[in-house]
Amino acid sequence: MEFNAILSPLGAFGPMIAGVLLLLLVVKLLSMPFKLVWNGLCGALLLWFINLVGSLAGFTMKITVIKALIAGFFGVPGALAVVLYELLVK
């Protein structure tokens, strides 16, 4: 049995595997900004809800892009940190 005959099926799959891995890497890199925008929108909605409930007790705050990204990136602890910042610093 010849050595090239054994490696020929592997040689055909090598570029295909490399192409799939490269495609996965590109998709992952391109999806990161969309994930940040999605988290920012979720953070803004969470802050809006806190603002809605807080308005009943006389607490309101201005929702900015930075506050929404903090709340979106860190989730509930980030939203609580933004609210505590508004209560203690402002």
N, C-alpha and C. Protein backbone atom coordinates (compact mmCIF):
# COMPACT_ATOMS: atom_id res chain seq x y z
N MET A 1 0.85 -1.17 0.00
CA MET A 1 0.00 0.00 0.00
C MET A 1 0.89 1.24 0.00
N GLU A 2 0.54 2.18 -0.80
CA GLU A 2 1.33 3.38 -0.97
C GLU A 2 0.99 4.40 0.12
N PHE A 3 1.99 5.20 0.55
CA PHE A 3 1.81 6.18 1.63
C PHE A 3 0.87 7.31 1.21
N ASN A 4 0.93 7.76 -0.03
CA ASN A 4 0.05 8.83 -0.52
C ASN A 4 -1.41 8.38 -0.57
N ALA A 5 -1.64 7.11 -0.79
CA ALA A 5 -3.01 6.60 -0.83
C ALA A 5 -3.65 6.65 0.55
N ILE A 6 -2.85 6.51 1.58
CA ILE A 6 -3.37 6.57 2.94
C ILE A 6 -3.69 8.01 3.33
N LEU A 7 -2.84 8.97 2.94
CA LEU A 7 -3.01 10.37 3.34
C LEU A 7 -3.96 11.16 2.44
N SER A 8 -4.34 10.64 1.29
CA SER A 8 -5.17 11.43 0.38
C SER A 8 -6.52 11.83 0.96
N PRO A 9 -7.22 10.99 1.72
CA PRO A 9 -8.47 11.48 2.32
C PRO A 9 -8.23 12.58 3.36
N LEU A 10 -7.15 12.47 4.11
CA LEU A 10 -6.84 13.51 5.10
C LEU A 10 -6.45 14.81 4.42
N GLY A 11 -5.77 14.72 3.30
CA GLY A 11 -5.37 15.92 2.57
C GLY A 11 -6.56 16.70 2.05
N ALA A 12 -7.64 16.03 1.72
CA ALA A 12 -8.83 16.70 1.20
C ALA A 12 -9.60 17.39 2.32
N PHE A 13 -9.54 16.85 3.54
CA PHE A 13 -10.28 17.44 4.65
C PHE A 13 -9.52 18.55 5.36
N GLY A 14 -8.22 18.62 5.20
CA GLY A 14 -7.41 19.63 5.88
C GLY A 14 -7.84 21.05 5.55
N PRO A 15 -7.89 21.44 4.27
CA PRO A 15 -8.33 22.80 3.95
C PRO A 15 -9.78 23.07 4.34
N MET A 16 -10.63 22.04 4.28
CA MET A 16 -12.02 22.23 4.66
C MET A 16 -12.12 22.51 6.17
N ILE A 17 -11.38 21.77 6.97
CA ILE A 17 -11.39 21.99 8.42
C ILE A 17 -10.84 23.37 8.74
N ALA A 18 -9.76 23.77 8.07
CA ALA A 18 -9.18 25.10 8.30
C ALA A 18 -10.19 26.20 7.90
N GLY A 19 -10.91 25.99 6.81
CA GLY A 19 -11.91 26.96 6.38
C GLY A 19 -13.06 27.09 7.36
N VAL A 20 -13.51 25.98 7.90
CA VAL A 20 -14.60 26.00 8.88
C VAL A 20 -14.15 26.70 10.16
N LEU A 21 -12.93 26.42 10.61
CA LEU A 21 -12.40 27.08 11.81
C LEU A 21 -12.23 28.58 11.58
N LEU A 22 -11.77 28.98 10.40
CA LEU A 22 -11.64 30.40 10.08
C LEU A 22 -13.01 31.07 10.03
N LEU A 23 -14.00 30.40 9.47
CA LEU A 23 -15.36 30.94 9.42
C LEU A 23 -15.93 31.11 10.82
N LEU A 24 -15.71 30.13 11.71
CA LEU A 24 -16.19 30.24 13.09
C LEU A 24 -15.53 31.41 13.81
N LEU A 25 -14.24 31.62 13.57
CA LEU A 25 -13.52 32.74 14.19
C LEU A 25 -14.07 34.08 13.71
N VAL A 26 -14.32 34.22 12.42
CA VAL A 26 -14.86 35.47 11.86
C VAL A 26 -16.26 35.74 12.40
N VAL A 27 -17.10 34.71 12.47
CA VAL A 27 -18.46 34.89 13.00
C VAL A 27 -18.41 35.30 14.46
N LYS A 28 -17.51 34.70 15.24
CA LYS A 28 -17.38 35.04 16.65
C LYS A 28 -16.94 36.49 16.82
N LEU A 29 -15.97 36.93 16.02
CA LEU A 29 -15.48 38.31 16.13
C LEU A 29 -16.53 39.32 15.70
N LEU A 30 -17.33 38.98 14.69
CA LEU A 30 -18.36 39.91 14.22
C LEU A 30 -19.57 39.94 15.14
N SER A 31 -19.81 38.89 15.91
CA SER A 31 -20.98 38.86 16.77
C SER A 31 -20.75 39.60 18.08
N MET A 32 -19.51 39.88 18.45
CA MET A 32 -19.23 40.56 19.72
C MET A 32 -19.85 41.96 19.79
N PRO A 33 -19.74 42.81 18.75
CA PRO A 33 -20.40 44.12 18.84
C PRO A 33 -21.92 44.02 18.96
N PHE A 34 -22.53 43.05 18.29
CA PHE A 34 -23.97 42.88 18.38
C PHE A 34 -24.39 42.44 19.78
N LYS A 35 -23.56 41.62 20.41
CA LYS A 35 -23.85 41.19 21.77
C LYS A 35 -23.76 42.37 22.73
N LEU A 36 -22.80 43.26 22.52
CA LEU A 36 -22.68 44.44 23.36
C LEU A 36 -23.88 45.36 23.19
N VAL A 37 -24.35 45.53 21.97
CA VAL A 37 -25.54 46.35 21.72
C VAL A 37 -26.77 45.71 22.38
N TRP A 38 -26.91 44.40 22.25
CA TRP A 38 -28.04 43.70 22.85
C TRP A 38 -28.01 43.85 24.37
N ASN A 39 -26.83 43.68 24.97
CA ASN A 39 -26.72 43.83 26.42
C ASN A 39 -27.03 45.27 26.84
N GLY A 40 -26.61 46.23 26.04
CA GLY A 40 -26.92 47.63 26.34
C GLY A 40 -28.42 47.91 26.30
N LEU A 41 -29.10 47.32 25.32
CA LEU A 41 -30.55 47.49 25.24
C LEU A 41 -31.25 46.84 26.43
N CYS A 42 -30.78 45.66 26.81
CA CYS A 42 -31.37 45.00 27.98
C CYS A 42 -31.10 45.81 29.25
N GLY A 43 -29.92 46.38 29.35
CA GLY A 43 -29.60 47.23 30.50
C GLY A 43 -30.47 48.48 30.53
N ALA A 44 -30.71 49.08 29.37
CA ALA A 44 -31.57 50.26 29.31
C ALA A 44 -32.99 49.91 29.71
N LEU A 45 -33.48 48.74 29.28
CA LEU A 45 -34.82 48.32 29.68
C LEU A 45 -34.90 48.08 31.19
N LEU A 46 -33.87 47.49 31.74
CA LEU A 46 -33.84 47.25 33.18
C LEU A 46 -33.82 48.58 33.95
N LEU A 47 -33.02 49.53 33.47
CA LEU A 47 -32.99 50.84 34.12
C LEU A 47 -34.32 51.58 33.95
N TRP A 48 -34.95 51.41 32.78
CA TRP A 48 -36.25 52.05 32.57
C TRP A 48 -37.26 51.49 33.55
N PHE A 49 -37.24 50.18 33.78
CA PHE A 49 -38.17 49.56 34.72
C PHE A 49 -37.89 50.05 36.14
N ILE A 50 -36.62 50.15 36.50
CA ILE A 50 -36.26 50.67 37.82
C ILE A 50 -36.72 52.12 37.94
N ASN A 51 -36.58 52.88 36.87
CA ASN A 51 -37.02 54.27 36.85
C ASN A 51 -38.54 54.36 36.99
N LEU A 52 -39.25 53.44 36.34
CA LEU A 52 -40.71 53.42 36.41
C LEU A 52 -41.18 53.12 37.82
N VAL A 53 -40.60 52.10 38.43
CA VAL A 53 -40.98 51.73 39.80
C VAL A 53 -40.50 52.80 40.79
N GLY A 54 -39.31 53.35 40.55
CA GLY A 54 -38.77 54.37 41.44
C GLY A 54 -39.52 55.67 41.40
N SER A 55 -40.20 55.94 40.28
CA SER A 55 -40.96 57.19 40.19
C SER A 55 -42.13 57.20 41.17
N LEU A 56 -42.59 56.03 41.55
CA LEU A 56 -43.66 55.95 42.55
C LEU A 56 -43.16 56.44 43.92
N ALA A 57 -41.86 56.29 44.16
CA ALA A 57 -41.28 56.72 45.43
C ALA A 57 -40.54 58.05 45.30
N GLY A 58 -40.63 58.68 44.13
CA GLY A 58 -39.98 59.97 43.93
C GLY A 58 -38.55 59.88 43.44
N PHE A 59 -38.11 58.73 42.96
CA PHE A 59 -36.75 58.54 42.46
C PHE A 59 -36.79 58.44 40.94
N THR A 60 -36.10 59.36 40.28
CA THR A 60 -35.95 59.29 38.83
C THR A 60 -34.49 59.52 38.48
N MET A 61 -34.08 59.00 37.35
CA MET A 61 -32.71 59.20 36.88
C MET A 61 -32.71 59.27 35.37
N LYS A 62 -31.68 59.93 34.85
CA LYS A 62 -31.52 60.03 33.41
C LYS A 62 -30.76 58.80 32.93
N ILE A 63 -31.31 58.10 31.95
CA ILE A 63 -30.67 56.89 31.42
C ILE A 63 -29.78 57.31 30.25
N THR A 64 -28.48 57.07 30.40
CA THR A 64 -27.51 57.39 29.35
C THR A 64 -26.96 56.09 28.75
N VAL A 65 -26.19 56.25 27.68
CA VAL A 65 -25.61 55.08 27.02
C VAL A 65 -24.64 54.37 27.97
N ILE A 66 -23.84 55.13 28.69
CA ILE A 66 -22.87 54.53 29.61
C ILE A 66 -23.58 53.74 30.71
N LYS A 67 -24.62 54.31 31.28
CA LYS A 67 -25.37 53.62 32.33
C LYS A 67 -26.03 52.36 31.79
N ALA A 68 -26.56 52.43 30.57
CA ALA A 68 -27.20 51.25 29.97
C ALA A 68 -26.17 50.16 29.69
N LEU A 69 -24.98 50.54 29.23
CA LEU A 69 -23.94 49.54 28.98
C LEU A 69 -23.44 48.92 30.28
N ILE A 70 -23.32 49.72 31.33
CA ILE A 70 -22.91 49.17 32.62
C ILE A 70 -23.95 48.17 33.12
N ALA A 71 -25.20 48.55 33.04
CA ALA A 71 -26.27 47.65 33.49
C ALA A 71 -26.37 46.43 32.58
N GLY A 72 -26.16 46.60 31.29
CA GLY A 72 -26.23 45.48 30.36
C GLY A 72 -25.06 44.53 30.50
N PHE A 73 -23.87 45.07 30.72
CA PHE A 73 -22.68 44.23 30.81
C PHE A 73 -22.63 43.46 32.13
N PHE A 74 -22.99 44.13 33.22
CA PHE A 74 -22.91 43.50 34.54
C PHE A 74 -24.24 42.93 35.02
N GLY A 75 -25.32 43.17 34.29
CA GLY A 75 -26.62 42.62 34.67
C GLY A 75 -27.24 43.34 35.86
N VAL A 76 -27.88 42.58 36.72
CA VAL A 76 -28.57 43.15 37.88
C VAL A 76 -27.59 43.87 38.82
N PRO A 77 -26.41 43.30 39.12
CA PRO A 77 -25.48 44.06 39.98
C PRO A 77 -25.05 45.39 39.36
N GLY A 78 -24.91 45.43 38.05
CA GLY A 78 -24.57 46.69 37.37
C GLY A 78 -25.69 47.70 37.48
N ALA A 79 -26.93 47.25 37.32
CA ALA A 79 -28.07 48.15 37.46
C ALA A 79 -28.17 48.68 38.89
N LEU A 80 -27.93 47.80 39.86
CA LEU A 80 -27.95 48.26 41.26
C LEU A 80 -26.83 49.24 41.53
N ALA A 81 -25.67 49.03 40.91
CA ALA A 81 -24.56 49.97 41.08
C ALA A 81 -24.90 51.33 40.49
N VAL A 82 -25.56 51.35 39.35
CA VAL A 82 -25.96 52.62 38.73
C VAL A 82 -26.98 53.33 39.63
N VAL A 83 -27.93 52.59 40.17
CA VAL A 83 -28.95 53.18 41.04
C VAL A 83 -28.30 53.72 42.32
N LEU A 84 -27.39 52.94 42.91
CA LEU A 84 -26.68 53.41 44.10
C LEU A 84 -25.84 54.64 43.80
N TYR A 85 -25.23 54.68 42.66
CA TYR A 85 -24.46 55.86 42.26
C TYR A 85 -25.37 57.08 42.17
N GLU A 86 -26.52 56.90 41.56
CA GLU A 86 -27.48 58.02 41.44
C GLU A 86 -27.97 58.46 42.81
N LEU A 87 -28.20 57.52 43.70
CA LEU A 87 -28.71 57.88 45.03
C LEU A 87 -27.66 58.56 45.89
N LEU A 88 -26.43 58.07 45.84
CA LEU A 88 -25.40 58.55 46.74
C LEU A 88 -24.62 59.75 46.22
N VAL A 89 -24.39 59.82 44.94
CA VAL A 89 -23.55 60.89 44.39
C VAL A 89 -24.39 62.09 43.96
N LYS A 90 -25.51 61.87 43.37
CA LYS A 90 -26.32 62.98 42.85
C LYS A 90 -27.16 63.60 43.91
